[in-house]
C-alpha atoms as a PDB file:
ATOM      1  CA  MET A   1      -7.348  35.901 -27.677  1.00  0.00           C
ATOM      2  CA  LYS A   2      -4.431  37.284 -25.879  1.00  0.00           C
ATOM      3  CA  THR A   3      -1.042  35.459 -26.228  1.00  0.00           C
ATOM      4  CA  SER A   4      -0.923  35.194 -22.304  1.00  0.00           C
ATOM      5  CA  ASN A   5      -4.221  33.647 -22.143  1.00  0.00           C
ATOM      6  CA  ARG A   6      -3.602  31.347 -24.960  1.00  0.00           C
ATOM      7  CA  LYS A   7      -0.367  30.076 -23.247  1.00  0.00           C
ATOM      8  CA  LEU A   8      -2.279  29.650 -20.061  1.00  0.00           C
ATOM      9  CA  VAL A   9      -5.044  27.404 -21.790  1.00  0.00           C
ATOM     10  CA  ILE A  10      -2.311  25.324 -23.706  1.00  0.00           C
ATOM     11  CA  LYS A  11      -0.421  24.795 -20.342  1.00  0.00           C
ATOM     12  CA  ALA A  12      -3.651  23.764 -18.683  1.00  0.00           C
ATOM     13  CA  GLN A  13      -4.567  21.394 -21.521  1.00  0.00           C
ATOM     14  CA  LEU A  14      -1.108  19.907 -21.398  1.00  0.00           C
ATOM     15  CA  ALA A  15      -1.201  19.403 -17.576  1.00  0.00           C
ATOM     16  CA  ALA A  16      -4.654  17.801 -17.761  1.00  0.00           C
ATOM     17  CA  PHE A  17      -3.465  15.470 -20.476  1.00  0.00           C
ATOM     18  CA  ILE A  18      -0.321  14.428 -18.801  1.00  0.00           C
ATOM     19  CA  ALA A  19      -2.331  13.733 -15.595  1.00  0.00           C
ATOM     20  CA  LEU A  20      -5.004  11.679 -17.336  1.00  0.00           C
ATOM     21  CA  THR A  21      -2.489   9.622 -19.340  1.00  0.00           C
ATOM     22  CA  THR A  22      -0.426   9.081 -16.180  1.00  0.00           C
ATOM     23  CA  PHE A  23      -3.601   8.027 -14.300  1.00  0.00           C
ATOM     24  CA  LEU A  24      -4.801   5.629 -16.911  1.00  0.00           C
ATOM     25  CA  SER A  25      -1.279   4.041 -17.655  1.00  0.00           C
ATOM     26  CA  GLN A  26      -0.719   3.148 -13.879  1.00  0.00           C
ATOM     27  CA  PRO A  27      -0.060  -0.570 -13.845  1.00  0.00           C
ATOM     28  CA  VAL A  28      -2.152  -2.857 -11.642  1.00  0.00           C
ATOM     29  CA  LEU A  29       0.331  -4.682  -9.331  1.00  0.00           C
ATOM     30  CA  ALA A  30       0.005  -8.310  -8.664  1.00  0.00           C
ATOM     31  CA  ILE A  31      -1.684  -9.278  -5.464  1.00  0.00           C
ATOM     32  CA  THR A  32       0.590 -10.191  -2.501  1.00  0.00           C
ATOM     33  CA  PHE A  33       0.240 -12.623   0.317  1.00  0.00           C
ATOM     34  CA  VAL A  34       0.395 -11.219   3.875  1.00  0.00           C
ATOM     35  CA  GLN A  35       1.216 -13.638   6.720  1.00  0.00           C
ATOM     36  CA  ASP A  36       1.125 -11.044   9.527  1.00  0.00           C
ATOM     37  CA  ARG A  37      -1.798  -8.835  10.801  1.00  0.00           C
ATOM     38  CA  ASN A  38       0.257  -5.872  11.286  1.00  0.00           C
ATOM     39  CA  SER A  39       1.792  -5.959   7.885  1.00  0.00           C
ATOM     40  CA  LEU A  40      -1.627  -5.768   6.348  1.00  0.00           C
ATOM     41  CA  GLN A  41      -1.671  -1.960   7.442  1.00  0.00           C
ATOM     42  CA  SER A  42      -5.402  -1.971   7.908  1.00  0.00           C
ATOM     43  CA  ASN A  43      -7.881   0.819   8.793  1.00  0.00           C
ATOM     44  CA  ASP A  44     -10.997  -1.076   9.360  1.00  0.00           C
ATOM     45  CA  GLU A  45     -12.214  -4.296  10.888  1.00  0.00           C
ATOM     46  CA  ILE A  46     -15.043  -6.852  11.169  1.00  0.00           C
ATOM     47  CA  GLU A  47     -15.220  -7.940  14.832  1.00  0.00           C
ATOM     48  CA  TRP A  48     -17.816 -10.740  15.035  1.00  0.00           C
ATOM     49  CA  SER A  49     -19.363  -9.937  18.288  1.00  0.00           C
ATOM     50  CA  SER A  50     -20.848  -6.996  16.692  1.00  0.00           C
ATOM     51  CA  LEU A  51     -23.611  -9.191  15.100  1.00  0.00           C
ATOM     52  CA  GLY A  52     -25.036  -9.459  18.705  1.00  0.00           C
ATOM     53  CA  LYS A  53     -25.088 -13.245  18.761  1.00  0.00           C
ATOM     54  CA  VAL A  54     -22.579 -15.222  20.730  1.00  0.00           C
ATOM     55  CA  LEU A  55     -23.230 -18.871  21.291  1.00  0.00           C
ATOM     56  CA  ASN A  56     -22.111 -20.974  24.249  1.00  0.00           C
ATOM     57  CA  PRO A  57     -21.228 -24.206  22.593  1.00  0.00           C
ATOM     58  CA  LEU A  58     -21.515 -26.040  25.834  1.00  0.00           C
ATOM     59  CA  ALA A  59     -25.160 -24.859  26.488  1.00  0.00           C
ATOM     60  CA  SER A  60     -26.222 -23.707  23.154  1.00  0.00           C
ATOM     61  CA  ASN A  61     -29.371 -21.489  22.432  1.00  0.00           C
ATOM     62  CA  PRO A  62     -30.784 -22.223  18.937  1.00  0.00           C
ATOM     63  CA  SER A  63     -31.679 -18.538  18.431  1.00  0.00           C
ATOM     64  CA  ASP A  64     -27.761 -17.704  18.675  1.00  0.00           C
ATOM     65  CA  PHE A  65     -26.976 -19.814  15.462  1.00  0.00           C
ATOM     66  CA  LEU A  66     -26.614 -17.754  12.353  1.00  0.00           C
ATOM     67  CA  SER A  67     -27.929 -18.434   8.861  1.00  0.00           C
ATOM     68  CA  ASN A  68     -25.640 -19.873   6.156  1.00  0.00           C
ATOM     69  CA  SER A  69     -25.917 -16.462   4.578  1.00  0.00           C
ATOM     70  CA  PHE A  70     -25.825 -13.313   6.585  1.00  0.00           C
ATOM     71  CA  SER A  71     -24.738  -9.622   6.416  1.00  0.00           C
ATOM     72  CA  ALA A  72     -22.763  -7.602   8.687  1.00  0.00           C
ATOM     73  CA  GLN A  73     -20.865  -4.262   8.856  1.00  0.00           C
ATOM     74  CA  SER A  74     -17.274  -3.361   9.666  1.00  0.00           C
ATOM     75  CA  ALA A  75     -16.413  -0.841  12.352  1.00  0.00           C
ATOM     76  CA  ASN A  76     -16.478   1.877   9.732  1.00  0.00           C
ATOM     77  CA  GLY A  77     -19.706   0.863   8.190  1.00  0.00           C
ATOM     78  CA  LEU A  78     -18.461  -1.106   5.244  1.00  0.00           C
ATOM     79  CA  GLY A  79     -21.231  -3.722   4.385  1.00  0.00           C
ATOM     80  CA  ILE A  80     -20.290  -7.338   3.899  1.00  0.00           C
ATOM     81  CA  ASN A  81     -21.974 -10.583   3.068  1.00  0.00           C
ATOM     82  CA  VAL A  82     -20.985 -13.962   4.421  1.00  0.00           C
ATOM     83  CA  GLU A  83     -21.856 -17.289   2.796  1.00  0.00           C
ATOM     84  CA  ILE A  84     -21.081 -20.760   4.362  1.00  0.00           C
ATOM     85  CA  PRO A  85     -22.805 -23.487   2.582  1.00  0.00           C
ATOM     86  CA  SER A  86     -24.629 -25.918   4.619  1.00  0.00           C
ATOM     87  CA  ALA A  87     -23.004 -29.420   5.265  1.00  0.00           C
ATOM     88  CA  GLY A  88     -26.218 -30.981   6.031  1.00  0.00           C
ATOM     89  CA  GLU A  89     -28.662 -31.640   8.845  1.00  0.00           C
ATOM     90  CA  GLU A  90     -26.258 -33.364  10.964  1.00  0.00           C
ATOM     91  CA  ILE A  91     -24.064 -30.328  11.169  1.00  0.00           C
ATOM     92  CA  THR A  92     -25.136 -26.995  13.060  1.00  0.00           C
ATOM     93  CA  PRO A  93     -25.511 -23.779  11.290  1.00  0.00           C
ATOM     94  CA  PRO A  94     -22.579 -21.290  11.614  1.00  0.00           C
ATOM     95  CA  PHE A  95     -22.150 -19.348  14.812  1.00  0.00           C
ATOM     96  CA  ILE A  96     -19.967 -17.151  16.935  1.00  0.00           C
ATOM     97  CA  PHE A  97     -18.213 -18.079  20.129  1.00  0.00           C
ATOM     98  CA  GLN A  98     -15.730 -16.568  22.401  1.00  0.00           C
ATOM     99  CA  ASN A  99     -12.293 -18.251  23.123  1.00  0.00           C
ATOM    100  CA  ASN A 100     -12.389 -19.019  26.840  1.00  0.00           C
ATOM    101  CA  PRO A 101     -11.056 -21.894  29.014  1.00  0.00           C
ATOM    102  CA  GLU A 102     -14.252 -23.931  28.678  1.00  0.00           C
ATOM    103  CA  VAL A 103     -13.994 -23.881  24.735  1.00  0.00           C
ATOM    104  CA  GLN A 104     -10.453 -23.973  24.025  1.00  0.00           C
ATOM    105  CA  THR A 105      -8.719 -23.126  20.628  1.00  0.00           C
ATOM    106  CA  ASN A 106      -5.436 -21.720  19.431  1.00  0.00           C
ATOM    107  CA  PHE A 107      -6.746 -18.192  18.853  1.00  0.00           C
ATOM    108  CA  ALA A 108      -6.025 -15.553  21.487  1.00  0.00           C
ATOM    109  CA  PRO A 109      -7.871 -15.514  24.712  1.00  0.00           C
ATOM    110  CA  GLY A 110     -11.068 -13.571  24.532  1.00  0.00           C
ATOM    111  CA  ASP A 111     -11.158 -13.666  20.638  1.00  0.00           C
ATOM    112  CA  PHE A 112     -14.731 -13.840  19.104  1.00  0.00           C
ATOM    113  CA  ILE A 113     -14.612 -16.707  16.364  1.00  0.00           C
ATOM    114  CA  LEU A 114     -16.837 -17.102  13.556  1.00  0.00           C
ATOM    115  CA  PHE A 115     -17.076 -20.881  13.077  1.00  0.00           C
ATOM    116  CA  THR A 116     -18.624 -22.863  10.171  1.00  0.00           C
ATOM    117  CA  GLY A 117     -20.438 -25.437  12.246  1.00  0.00           C
ATOM    118  CA  PHE A 118     -19.964 -28.801  13.793  1.00  0.00           C
ATOM    119  CA  SER A 119     -21.703 -32.089  14.747  1.00  0.00           C
ATOM    120  CA  PRO A 120     -22.956 -32.228  18.311  1.00  0.00           C
ATOM    121  CA  THR A 121     -22.623 -35.958  18.008  1.00  0.00           C
ATOM    122  CA  ILE A 122     -19.522 -36.864  16.305  1.00  0.00           C
ATOM    123  CA  ILE A 123     -16.758 -34.605  17.510  1.00  0.00           C
ATOM    124  CA  PRO A 124     -14.610 -33.035  15.956  1.00  0.00           C
ATOM    125  CA  THR A 125     -16.625 -33.557  12.760  1.00  0.00           C
ATOM    126  CA  GLY A 126     -17.877 -30.241  11.417  1.00  0.00           C
ATOM    127  CA  ASN A 127     -18.641 -28.122   8.239  1.00  0.00           C
ATOM    128  CA  PRO A 128     -15.616 -27.901   5.962  1.00  0.00           C
ATOM    129  CA  ASN A 129     -17.357 -25.993   3.361  1.00  0.00           C
ATOM    130  CA  PRO A 130     -15.648 -22.715   2.291  1.00  0.00           C
ATOM    131  CA  LEU A 131     -16.371 -19.311   4.109  1.00  0.00           C
ATOM    132  CA  THR A 132     -16.919 -16.571   1.583  1.00  0.00           C
ATOM    133  CA  ILE A 133     -16.781 -12.794   2.415  1.00  0.00           C
ATOM    134  CA  VAL A 134     -18.111 -10.395  -0.037  1.00  0.00           C
ATOM    135  CA  PHE A 135     -17.441  -6.740   0.430  1.00  0.00           C
ATOM    136  CA  ASP A 136     -19.886  -3.990  -0.699  1.00  0.00           C
ATOM    137  CA  LYS A 137     -17.130  -1.958  -2.081  1.00  0.00           C
ATOM    138  CA  ASN A 138     -13.738  -3.214  -3.308  1.00  0.00           C
ATOM    139  CA  VAL A 139     -10.884  -3.091  -0.860  1.00  0.00           C
ATOM    140  CA  LYS A 140      -7.141  -3.019  -0.920  1.00  0.00           C
ATOM    141  CA  ALA A 141      -6.358  -5.532   1.642  1.00  0.00           C
ATOM    142  CA  ALA A 142      -8.062  -8.028   4.206  1.00  0.00           C
ATOM    143  CA  GLY A 143      -7.157 -10.788   6.186  1.00  0.00           C
ATOM    144  CA  THR A 144      -7.678 -12.986   9.344  1.00  0.00           C
ATOM    145  CA  GLN A 145      -6.557 -15.811  11.424  1.00  0.00           C
ATOM    146  CA  ILE A 146      -7.823 -19.339  10.752  1.00  0.00           C
ATOM    147  CA  ALA A 147      -7.706 -22.770  12.506  1.00  0.00           C
ATOM    148  CA  ALA A 148      -9.755 -26.078  11.887  1.00  0.00           C
ATOM    149  CA  SER A 149     -11.329 -27.714  15.031  1.00  0.00           C
ATOM    150  CA  GLY A 150      -9.109 -30.646  16.552  1.00  0.00           C
ATOM    151  CA  SER A 151      -5.982 -31.422  18.247  1.00  0.00           C
ATOM    152  CA  ALA A 152      -2.479 -30.444  17.376  1.00  0.00           C
ATOM    153  CA  ASP A 153      -1.669 -33.612  15.521  1.00  0.00           C
ATOM    154  CA  ILE A 154      -3.787 -33.130  12.545  1.00  0.00           C
ATOM    155  CA  ASP A 155      -2.166 -32.199   9.239  1.00  0.00           C
ATOM    156  CA  TYR A 156      -3.797 -29.903   6.905  1.00  0.00           C
ATOM    157  CA  GLU A 157      -3.472 -26.526   4.768  1.00  0.00           C
ATOM    158  CA  VAL A 158      -5.415 -23.319   5.107  1.00  0.00           C
ATOM    159  CA  PHE A 159      -6.230 -21.332   1.944  1.00  0.00           C
ATOM    160  CA  ILE A 160      -7.204 -17.783   0.903  1.00  0.00           C
ATOM    161  CA  SER A 161      -8.594 -16.792  -2.580  1.00  0.00           C
ATOM    162  CA  ALA A 162      -9.032 -13.345  -3.614  1.00  0.00           C
ATOM    163  CA  PHE A 163     -11.525 -12.244  -6.422  1.00  0.00           C
ATOM    164  CA  ASP A 164     -12.271  -9.048  -8.263  1.00  0.00           C
ATOM    165  CA  ASP A 165     -15.707  -7.462  -8.944  1.00  0.00           C
ATOM    166  CA  GLN A 166     -15.911  -9.631 -12.265  1.00  0.00           C
ATOM    167  CA  ASN A 167     -15.421 -12.852 -10.081  1.00  0.00           C
ATOM    168  CA  SER A 168     -11.985 -13.340 -11.768  1.00  0.00           C
ATOM    169  CA  LEU A 169      -9.423 -14.829  -9.506  1.00  0.00           C
ATOM    170  CA  LEU A 170      -6.630 -12.569  -8.371  1.00  0.00           C
ATOM    171  CA  GLY A 171      -4.753 -15.240  -6.385  1.00  0.00           C
ATOM    172  CA  THR A 172      -4.818 -18.113  -4.172  1.00  0.00           C
ATOM    173  CA  PHE A 173      -2.238 -18.608  -1.148  1.00  0.00           C
ATOM    174  CA  SER A 174      -2.036 -21.346   1.493  1.00  0.00           C
ATOM    175  CA  LEU A 175      -0.014 -22.264   4.816  1.00  0.00           C
ATOM    176  CA  PRO A 176       0.154 -25.242   6.926  1.00  0.00           C
ATOM    177  CA  GLY A 177      -2.823 -25.116   9.377  1.00  0.00           C
ATOM    178  CA  ILE A 178      -2.170 -25.180  13.222  1.00  0.00           C
ATOM    179  CA  SER A 179      -4.759 -26.440  15.576  1.00  0.00           C
ATOM    180  CA  SER A 180      -4.579 -26.905  19.401  1.00  0.00           C
ATOM    181  CA  GLY A 181      -6.264 -25.711  22.554  1.00  0.00           C
ATOM    182  CA  ALA A 182      -3.392 -23.688  23.797  1.00  0.00           C
ATOM    183  CA  ARG A 183      -5.187 -20.439  23.500  1.00  0.00           C
ATOM    184  CA  ASP A 184      -1.896 -18.892  22.455  1.00  0.00           C
ATOM    185  CA  ASN A 185      -2.810 -16.945  19.314  1.00  0.00           C
ATOM    186  CA  SER A 186      -0.799 -19.363  17.189  1.00  0.00           C
ATOM    187  CA  ALA A 187      -3.667 -19.646  14.585  1.00  0.00           C
ATOM    188  CA  VAL A 188      -2.152 -18.786  11.199  1.00  0.00           C
ATOM    189  CA  PHE A 189      -2.847 -15.442   9.567  1.00  0.00           C
ATOM    190  CA  LEU A 190      -3.945 -15.296   5.836  1.00  0.00           C
ATOM    191  CA  GLY A 191      -4.216 -11.962   4.155  1.00  0.00           C
ATOM    192  CA  VAL A 192      -3.913 -10.274   0.651  1.00  0.00           C
ATOM    193  CA  ARG A 193      -2.972  -6.962  -0.376  1.00  0.00           C
ATOM    194  CA  ASN A 194      -2.868  -4.875  -3.473  1.00  0.00           C
ATOM    195  CA  ASP A 195      -1.939  -1.139  -4.189  1.00  0.00           C
ATOM    196  CA  THR A 196      -5.229  -1.019  -6.340  1.00  0.00           C
ATOM    197  CA  ALA A 197      -8.667  -1.453  -4.506  1.00  0.00           C
ATOM    198  CA  ASN A 198      -9.862  -4.390  -6.583  1.00  0.00           C
ATOM    199  CA  ILE A 199     -10.498  -7.111  -4.045  1.00  0.00           C
ATOM    200  CA  LYS A 200     -14.294  -7.745  -3.929  1.00  0.00           C
ATOM    201  CA  SER A 201     -14.452 -11.081  -2.184  1.00  0.00           C
ATOM    202  CA  LEU A 202     -12.329 -13.496  -0.200  1.00  0.00           C
ATOM    203  CA  VAL A 203     -12.711 -17.313   0.096  1.00  0.00           C
ATOM    204  CA  PHE A 204     -11.283 -19.248   3.200  1.00  0.00           C
ATOM    205  CA  GLN A 205     -11.175 -22.907   3.374  1.00  0.00           C
ATOM    206  CA  THR A 206      -9.035 -25.818   4.619  1.00  0.00           C
ATOM    207  CA  SER A 207      -7.871 -29.234   3.355  1.00  0.00           C
ATOM    208  CA  SER A 208      -9.446 -31.077   6.134  1.00  0.00           C
ATOM    209  CA  PRO A 209     -12.412 -32.840   4.697  1.00  0.00           C
ATOM    210  CA  GLN A 210     -14.549 -33.358   7.764  1.00  0.00           C
ATOM    211  CA  ARG A 211     -13.788 -30.656  10.300  1.00  0.00           C
ATOM    212  CA  GLY A 212     -15.302 -27.215  10.714  1.00  0.00           C
ATOM    213  CA  PHE A 213     -13.105 -24.262  11.107  1.00  0.00           C
ATOM    214  CA  GLY A 214     -13.093 -20.777  12.458  1.00  0.00           C
ATOM    215  CA  ILE A 215     -11.821 -17.298  11.844  1.00  0.00           C
ATOM    216  CA  ASN A 216     -11.427 -14.160  14.161  1.00  0.00           C
ATOM    217  CA  THR A 217     -11.440 -10.566  13.378  1.00  0.00           C
ATOM    218  CA  VAL A 218     -11.141  -9.640   9.824  1.00  0.00           C
ATOM    219  CA  ASN A 219      -8.866  -6.654   9.444  1.00  0.00           C
ATOM    220  CA  ILE A 220      -9.443  -4.506   6.208  1.00  0.00           C
ATOM    221  CA  SER A 221      -7.683  -1.842   4.264  1.00  0.00           C
ATOM    222  CA  THR A 222     -10.256   0.322   2.516  1.00  0.00           C
ATOM    223  CA  VAL A 223      -9.369   2.778  -0.066  1.00  0.00           C
ATOM    224  CA  ASN A 224      -8.956   6.631   0.604  1.00  0.00           C
ATOM    225  CA  GLU A 225     -10.472   8.752  -2.195  1.00  0.00           C
ATOM    226  CA  PRO A 226      -8.156   7.631  -5.151  1.00  0.00           C
ATOM    227  CA  SER A 227      -5.725  10.223  -6.392  1.00  0.00           C
ATOM    228  CA  SER A 228      -7.734  13.051  -5.186  1.00  0.00           C
ATOM    229  CA  GLY A 229      -4.817  15.645  -5.948  1.00  0.00           C
ATOM    230  CA  LEU A 230      -4.590  14.230  -9.436  1.00  0.00           C
ATOM    231  CA  SER A 231      -8.437  14.288  -9.915  1.00  0.00           C
ATOM    232  CA  LEU A 232      -8.468  17.950  -8.967  1.00  0.00           C
ATOM    233  CA  LEU A 233      -5.644  18.727 -11.324  1.00  0.00           C
ATOM    234  CA  MET A 234      -7.403  17.040 -14.224  1.00  0.00           C
ATOM    235  CA  ILE A 235     -10.696  18.640 -13.571  1.00  0.00           C
ATOM    236  CA  GLY A 236      -9.129  22.214 -13.026  1.00  0.00           C
ATOM    237  CA  GLY A 237      -7.000  21.927 -16.117  1.00  0.00           C
ATOM    238  CA  LEU A 238     -10.073  20.784 -18.210  1.00  0.00           C
ATOM    239  CA  VAL A 239     -12.171  23.558 -16.772  1.00  0.00           C
ATOM    240  CA  ILE A 240      -9.536  26.238 -17.687  1.00  0.00           C
ATOM    241  CA  ALA A 241      -9.120  24.811 -21.076  1.00  0.00           C
ATOM    242  CA  PHE A 242     -12.849  24.783 -21.661  1.00  0.00           C
ATOM    243  CA  LYS A 243     -13.191  28.406 -20.524  1.00  0.00           C
ATOM    244  CA  GLY A 244     -10.283  29.431 -22.756  1.00  0.00           C
ATOM    245  CA  TYR A 245     -12.107  27.553 -25.633  1.00  0.00           C
ATOM    246  CA  LYS A 246     -15.252  29.483 -25.082  1.00  0.00           C
ATOM    247  CA  PHE A 247     -13.556  32.781 -24.746  1.00  0.00           C
ATOM    248  CA  ASN A 248     -11.603  32.146 -27.869  1.00  0.00           C
ATOM    249  CA  LYS A 249     -14.656  31.135 -29.715  1.00  0.00           C
ATOM    250  CA  THR A 250     -16.408  34.440 -28.561  1.00  0.00           C
ATOM    251  CA  LYS A 251     -13.711  36.546 -29.809  1.00  0.00           C
ATOM    252  CA  LEU A 252     -13.689  34.821 -33.180  1.00  0.00           C
ATOM    253  CA  ASN A 253     -17.340  35.417 -33.547  1.00  0.00           C
END
């Protein structure tokens, strides 16, 4: 084998080794709490009206209620599953409604809200059970605004918990909740973010024991093809090294 070819193979092997060890040794940074939608730096979203079922709570059509477990897709085609455990026969199933003057919340005017369910007879009693969103693929970040039903004088916390694909808890964060009928976009934003795409599911809930709650559009940051340049470098280096090995073996034989 010529000296120049041997040097080329050695350099390629060294480059591939360095790239591989650098990639494998990259630290997994701790998940961070995000309290502002713009800071999430999302590139995808789940807009609840896309499910095609929007209920008018003042004149509800039973066919517009959702199942306690249902599937949806983001704007870019990411599949998700939503789970909201039932709170009993006296509480409606989950549903989507639009924030308007007839149904006032403190989300922005026109927002479509996914609501956990409420009691038609004992207002504002509702479904307080957690709302879980499971992504078909791990994401880097996700978040939404959240508020419980009721007036501005209730005292409660809102929570977000993130889990990886092994169902291991990545982190839990909370803020004081805000509820009113002001339609002023004051519902608090809860989001999580990580430099590594390891967020498989999110759980939202409140500390209010008898009230339902709603969330609006869920913003998501999906991962681009990870380290594409690095991957090409490793593959290219390994291919050159392997060809060099075959060439050298042929010469020796």
